């Protein structure tokens, strides 16, 4: 984290001579797009990592089966991404898809906080659909925004800024989520099953839960795990809400105008 802060300070000091000129990040759509991918990317990463953990801990499935259970999220993200790309190509505007995507991510995240140990199949499948919409509709459009509002020579740098923000956001928020899970799970285990060694259960992980816990304690341990994981999902609600606010700050610029301008410049250059 200190390295990131130091890098930012150097860029501010170097200005246009730096690796990432501050004027690029100060551009309104780039600034809000950076915030968007930092927050929304973090929310999606949390589900990609902790939703399989929920399946393993609560339903007792294997790591492979938990991966199959989140196919709705992974494949849905791809489908919604294609749909957003088609929609942007037809309308020219990416901002509506970022707003709708963030709203879907908020809704899906909020729904997952209602998970219980007895949640039926239809519930955990259905709740993945708005999550997939949130991931597929909005995040890629942030990159489209940078390509639209920046000068041609600044587009590669703008793309790097967004990719960096998305990666560092995923890393930071996964770390935060892990701390939330650890603290909440320890607290829940101590409260619900004080006779068990909470630290030992935590060390076993979700996959070894049933082998380490007796049947008489299993229901209580599952409840503690569910409570802890839903607290993690609350983190995603907050991140998605922040991404929604960021989407409202985006400029309403059309990619068709950018394409038309580039075509006109090319025609003038060819005429010469």
Protein backbone atom coordinates (compact mmCIF):
# COMPACT_ATOMS: atom_id res chain seq x y z
CA UNK A 1 0.00 0.00 0.00
CA UNK A 2 2.87 2.36 0.81
CA UNK A 3 4.33 1.62 -2.63
CA UNK A 4 1.04 2.66 -4.26
CA UNK A 5 0.93 5.91 -2.28
CA UNK A 6 4.56 6.60 -3.16
CA UNK A 7 3.87 5.95 -6.85
CA UNK A 8 0.93 8.38 -6.81
CA UNK A 9 3.04 11.07 -5.14
CA UNK A 10 5.75 10.67 -7.79
CA UNK A 11 3.19 11.05 -10.59
CA UNK A 12 1.86 14.25 -9.01
CA UNK A 13 5.41 15.59 -8.72
CA UNK A 14 6.39 14.63 -12.29
CA UNK A 15 3.12 15.86 -13.84
CA UNK A 16 3.17 15.32 -17.65
CA UNK A 17 6.65 13.78 -17.46
CA UNK A 18 5.43 10.98 -15.20
CA UNK A 19 4.34 7.48 -16.17
CA UNK A 20 0.68 8.45 -15.66
CA UNK A 21 0.14 12.20 -16.19
CA UNK A 22 -2.36 13.49 -13.59
CA UNK A 23 -4.30 15.32 -16.33
CA UNK A 24 -5.52 11.91 -17.56
CA UNK A 25 -6.87 10.88 -14.16
CA UNK A 26 -8.38 14.33 -13.62
CA UNK A 27 -10.56 13.92 -16.70
CA UNK A 28 -14.08 13.54 -15.30
CA UNK A 29 -15.10 10.27 -16.95
CA UNK A 30 -11.71 8.67 -16.35
CA UNK A 31 -11.80 9.66 -12.67
CA UNK A 32 -15.28 8.24 -12.12
CA UNK A 33 -14.51 5.16 -14.25
CA UNK A 34 -11.47 4.49 -12.09
CA UNK A 35 -13.59 4.68 -8.94
CA UNK A 36 -16.20 2.49 -10.62
CA UNK A 37 -13.88 -0.39 -11.49
CA UNK A 38 -12.08 -0.08 -8.14
CA UNK A 39 -15.36 -0.57 -6.26
CA UNK A 40 -17.45 -2.74 -8.59
CA UNK A 41 -14.47 -4.95 -9.42
CA UNK A 42 -13.90 -5.48 -5.71
CA UNK A 43 -17.55 -6.42 -5.15
CA UNK A 44 -17.49 -8.95 -7.99
CA UNK A 45 -14.18 -10.43 -6.81
CA UNK A 46 -15.66 -11.01 -3.38
CA UNK A 47 -18.44 -13.12 -4.90
CA UNK A 48 -16.10 -15.01 -7.20
CA UNK A 49 -14.08 -16.03 -4.14
CA UNK A 50 -16.58 -16.28 -1.28
CA UNK A 51 -19.71 -17.59 -3.02
CA UNK A 52 -17.97 -20.96 -3.57
CA UNK A 53 -16.95 -20.86 0.10
CA UNK A 54 -20.62 -20.48 1.03
CA UNK A 55 -21.52 -23.55 -1.04
CA UNK A 56 -18.71 -25.59 0.52
CA UNK A 57 -19.46 -24.56 4.11
CA UNK A 58 -23.25 -24.53 4.04
CA UNK A 59 -24.10 -27.21 1.47
CA UNK A 60 -21.07 -29.42 2.03
CA UNK A 61 -20.16 -29.64 -1.66
CA UNK A 62 -16.62 -30.08 -3.00
CA UNK A 63 -14.51 -27.30 -4.47
CA UNK A 64 -15.33 -28.59 -7.96
CA UNK A 65 -19.07 -28.66 -7.29
CA UNK A 66 -18.98 -25.16 -5.81
CA UNK A 67 -17.33 -23.98 -9.03
CA UNK A 68 -20.18 -25.52 -11.00
CA UNK A 69 -22.70 -23.81 -8.72
CA UNK A 70 -21.39 -20.35 -9.69
CA UNK A 71 -21.65 -20.99 -13.44
CA UNK A 72 -24.72 -18.76 -13.46
CA UNK A 73 -22.49 -15.90 -12.32
CA UNK A 74 -19.54 -16.63 -14.60
CA UNK A 75 -21.47 -17.46 -17.77
CA UNK A 76 -24.05 -14.78 -17.06
CA UNK A 77 -21.31 -12.18 -16.81
CA UNK A 78 -20.10 -13.13 -20.29
CA UNK A 79 -23.61 -13.00 -21.76
CA UNK A 80 -24.43 -9.65 -20.18
CA UNK A 81 -21.08 -8.30 -21.36
CA UNK A 82 -21.96 -9.24 -24.95
CA UNK A 83 -25.41 -7.68 -24.50
CA UNK A 84 -23.89 -4.45 -23.21
CA UNK A 85 -21.43 -4.34 -26.09
CA UNK A 86 -24.28 -4.75 -28.57
CA UNK A 87 -26.35 -2.11 -26.80
CA UNK A 88 -23.51 0.41 -26.77
CA UNK A 89 -22.76 -0.20 -30.45
CA UNK A 90 -26.41 0.49 -31.30
CA UNK A 91 -27.07 3.46 -29.04
CA UNK A 92 -23.56 4.91 -28.83
CA UNK A 93 -23.88 5.52 -25.09
CA UNK A 94 -22.11 3.50 -22.41
CA UNK A 95 -23.18 5.49 -19.33
CA UNK A 96 -26.69 3.93 -19.04
CA UNK A 97 -25.16 0.45 -18.94
CA UNK A 98 -22.78 1.47 -16.16
CA UNK A 99 -25.68 2.88 -14.13
CA UNK A 100 -27.92 -0.15 -14.72
CA UNK A 101 -25.03 -2.52 -14.05
CA UNK A 102 -24.22 -0.89 -10.73
CA UNK A 103 -27.90 -0.91 -9.73
CA UNK A 104 -28.12 -4.64 -10.53
CA UNK A 105 -24.96 -5.25 -8.51
CA UNK A 106 -26.47 -3.44 -5.53
CA UNK A 107 -29.67 -5.49 -5.82
CA UNK A 108 -27.87 -8.80 -6.20
CA UNK A 109 -25.50 -8.06 -3.34
CA UNK A 110 -28.38 -7.09 -1.06
CA UNK A 111 -30.22 -10.30 -1.91
CA UNK A 112 -27.26 -12.51 -1.00
CA UNK A 113 -27.18 -11.03 2.49
CA UNK A 114 -30.48 -12.87 3.08
CA UNK A 115 -28.88 -16.30 2.54
CA UNK A 116 -29.71 -18.87 5.21
CA UNK A 117 -28.46 -22.38 5.82
CA UNK A 118 -31.77 -23.61 4.40
CA UNK A 119 -31.84 -21.38 1.30
CA UNK A 120 -33.33 -23.39 -1.61
CA UNK A 121 -31.66 -23.95 -4.98
CA UNK A 122 -33.89 -21.46 -6.77
CA UNK A 123 -32.78 -18.73 -4.42
CA UNK A 124 -29.01 -19.06 -4.82
CA UNK A 125 -29.36 -19.53 -8.57
CA UNK A 126 -31.72 -16.59 -8.99
CA UNK A 127 -29.63 -14.22 -6.89
CA UNK A 128 -26.63 -14.80 -9.14
CA UNK A 129 -28.48 -13.31 -12.13
CA UNK A 130 -28.42 -9.65 -10.96
CA UNK A 131 -24.82 -10.17 -9.84
CA UNK A 132 -23.94 -11.35 -13.33
CA UNK A 133 -25.78 -8.38 -14.82
CA UNK A 134 -23.85 -6.03 -12.58
CA UNK A 135 -20.52 -7.56 -13.53
CA UNK A 136 -21.26 -7.86 -17.24
CA UNK A 137 -23.10 -4.64 -18.03
CA UNK A 138 -20.96 -2.05 -16.32
CA UNK A 139 -17.31 -2.84 -15.71
CA UNK A 140 -16.25 -3.22 -19.35
CA UNK A 141 -18.02 0.03 -20.24
CA UNK A 142 -15.68 1.93 -17.93
CA UNK A 143 -12.87 0.96 -20.30
CA UNK A 144 -15.00 2.05 -23.26
CA UNK A 145 -15.45 5.42 -21.59
CA UNK A 146 -11.70 5.98 -21.34
CA UNK A 147 -11.27 5.16 -25.02
CA UNK A 148 -14.02 7.64 -25.89
CA UNK A 149 -13.08 10.70 -23.84
CA UNK A 150 -9.28 10.60 -24.07
CA UNK A 151 -7.08 11.72 -26.92
CA UNK A 152 -5.74 8.84 -29.01
CA UNK A 153 -2.24 9.15 -27.55
CA UNK A 154 -3.62 9.00 -23.99
CA UNK A 155 -5.88 5.95 -24.47
CA UNK A 156 -3.20 3.32 -23.64
CA UNK A 157 -2.31 5.14 -20.41
CA UNK A 158 -5.97 5.49 -19.48
CA UNK A 159 -6.49 1.77 -20.06
CA UNK A 160 -3.55 0.98 -17.77
CA UNK A 161 -5.00 3.21 -15.04
CA UNK A 162 -8.33 1.36 -15.14
CA UNK A 163 -6.74 -2.08 -15.21
CA UNK A 164 -4.50 -1.14 -12.29
CA UNK A 165 -7.46 0.23 -10.30
CA UNK A 166 -9.47 -2.93 -10.93
CA UNK A 167 -6.62 -5.24 -9.90
CA UNK A 168 -5.61 -3.27 -6.81
CA UNK A 169 -9.28 -2.90 -5.83
CA UNK A 170 -9.82 -6.64 -6.03
CA UNK A 171 -6.73 -7.26 -3.91
CA UNK A 172 -7.59 -4.71 -1.23
CA UNK A 173 -11.26 -5.63 -0.89
CA UNK A 174 -10.57 -9.37 -0.79
CA UNK A 175 -8.21 -8.69 2.10
CA UNK A 176 -10.89 -6.65 3.85
CA UNK A 177 -13.45 -9.41 3.24
CA UNK A 178 -11.11 -12.04 4.68
CA UNK A 179 -10.65 -9.98 7.85
CA UNK A 180 -14.43 -9.58 8.16
CA UNK A 181 -14.96 -13.33 7.70
CA UNK A 182 -12.31 -14.26 10.25
CA UNK A 183 -13.51 -11.88 12.95
CA UNK A 184 -17.22 -12.61 12.43
CA UNK A 185 -16.72 -16.37 12.25
CA UNK A 186 -14.67 -16.46 15.44
CA UNK A 187 -17.27 -14.32 17.17
CA UNK A 188 -20.11 -16.54 15.94
CA UNK A 189 -18.40 -19.79 16.88
CA UNK A 190 -17.61 -18.56 20.38
CA UNK A 191 -21.22 -17.50 20.84
CA UNK A 192 -22.94 -20.54 19.32
CA UNK A 193 -20.55 -23.42 20.10
CA UNK A 194 -18.31 -22.36 23.01
CA UNK A 195 -17.27 -26.00 23.59
CA UNK A 196 -15.37 -26.12 20.29
CA UNK A 197 -11.97 -24.65 19.46
CA UNK A 198 -12.97 -21.79 17.16
CA UNK A 199 -9.41 -21.23 15.91
CA UNK A 200 -9.07 -24.89 14.94
CA UNK A 201 -12.34 -24.83 12.99
CA UNK A 202 -11.26 -21.67 11.23
CA UNK A 203 -7.96 -23.27 10.28
CA UNK A 204 -9.77 -26.29 8.80
CA UNK A 205 -11.47 -24.14 6.19
CA UNK A 206 -14.85 -24.69 4.55
CA UNK A 207 -13.91 -27.93 2.77
CA UNK A 208 -12.79 -29.69 5.96
CA UNK A 209 -15.67 -28.49 8.07
CA UNK A 210 -17.73 -31.67 8.20
CA UNK A 211 -14.74 -33.88 8.87
CA UNK A 212 -13.65 -31.72 11.80
CA UNK A 213 -17.00 -31.09 13.49
CA UNK A 214 -19.29 -33.65 15.12
CA UNK A 215 -22.87 -33.99 13.93
CA UNK A 216 -24.19 -32.52 17.17
CA UNK A 217 -22.35 -29.25 16.47
CA UNK A 218 -22.64 -29.10 12.69
CA UNK A 219 -25.87 -27.09 12.48
CA UNK A 220 -24.53 -24.43 14.85
CA UNK A 221 -21.21 -24.21 13.00
CA UNK A 222 -23.02 -23.88 9.67
CA UNK A 223 -25.11 -21.08 11.14
CA UNK A 224 -21.96 -19.29 12.33
CA UNK A 225 -20.40 -19.67 8.89
CA UNK A 226 -23.54 -18.37 7.19
CA UNK A 227 -23.70 -15.35 9.49
CA UNK A 228 -20.04 -14.55 8.83
CA UNK A 229 -20.33 -14.92 5.06
CA UNK A 230 -23.43 -12.75 4.84
CA UNK A 231 -21.47 -10.06 6.70
CA UNK A 232 -18.85 -10.39 3.95
CA UNK A 233 -21.59 -9.92 1.38
CA UNK A 234 -22.57 -6.69 3.14
CA UNK A 235 -19.12 -5.42 2.12
CA UNK A 236 -20.13 -6.01 -1.50
CA UNK A 237 -23.36 -4.07 -0.95
CA UNK A 238 -21.34 -1.06 0.19
CA UNK A 239 -18.90 -1.36 -2.71
CA UNK A 240 -21.70 -1.72 -5.25
CA UNK A 241 -23.47 1.32 -3.80
CA UNK A 242 -20.25 3.31 -4.16
CA UNK A 243 -19.94 2.15 -7.77
CA UNK A 244 -23.52 3.29 -8.40
CA UNK A 245 -22.68 6.77 -7.12
CA UNK A 246 -19.58 6.81 -9.33
CA UNK A 247 -21.66 5.85 -12.38
CA UNK A 248 -23.85 8.91 -11.85
CA UNK A 249 -20.79 11.12 -12.29
CA UNK A 250 -20.03 9.80 -15.78
CA UNK A 251 -20.31 12.09 -18.79
CA UNK A 252 -22.91 11.21 -21.40
CA UNK A 253 -20.59 10.93 -24.39
CA UNK A 254 -21.30 8.93 -27.54
CA UNK A 255 -18.77 6.54 -29.03
CA UNK A 256 -20.33 7.24 -32.43
CA UNK A 257 -19.17 10.85 -32.32
CA UNK A 258 -15.64 9.65 -31.54
CA UNK A 259 -15.72 7.20 -34.43
CA UNK A 260 -17.08 9.88 -36.76
CA UNK A 261 -14.36 12.32 -35.73
CA UNK A 262 -11.61 9.76 -36.28
CA UNK A 263 -13.06 8.91 -39.69
CA UNK A 264 -13.12 12.60 -40.68
CA UNK A 265 -9.51 13.06 -39.59
CA UNK A 266 -8.49 9.99 -41.60
CA UNK A 267 -10.28 11.28 -44.70
CA UNK A 268 -8.56 14.67 -44.42
CA UNK A 269 -5.19 12.99 -44.01
CA UNK A 270 -5.83 10.77 -47.05
CA UNK A 271 -6.89 13.77 -49.12
CA UNK A 272 -3.54 15.38 -48.48
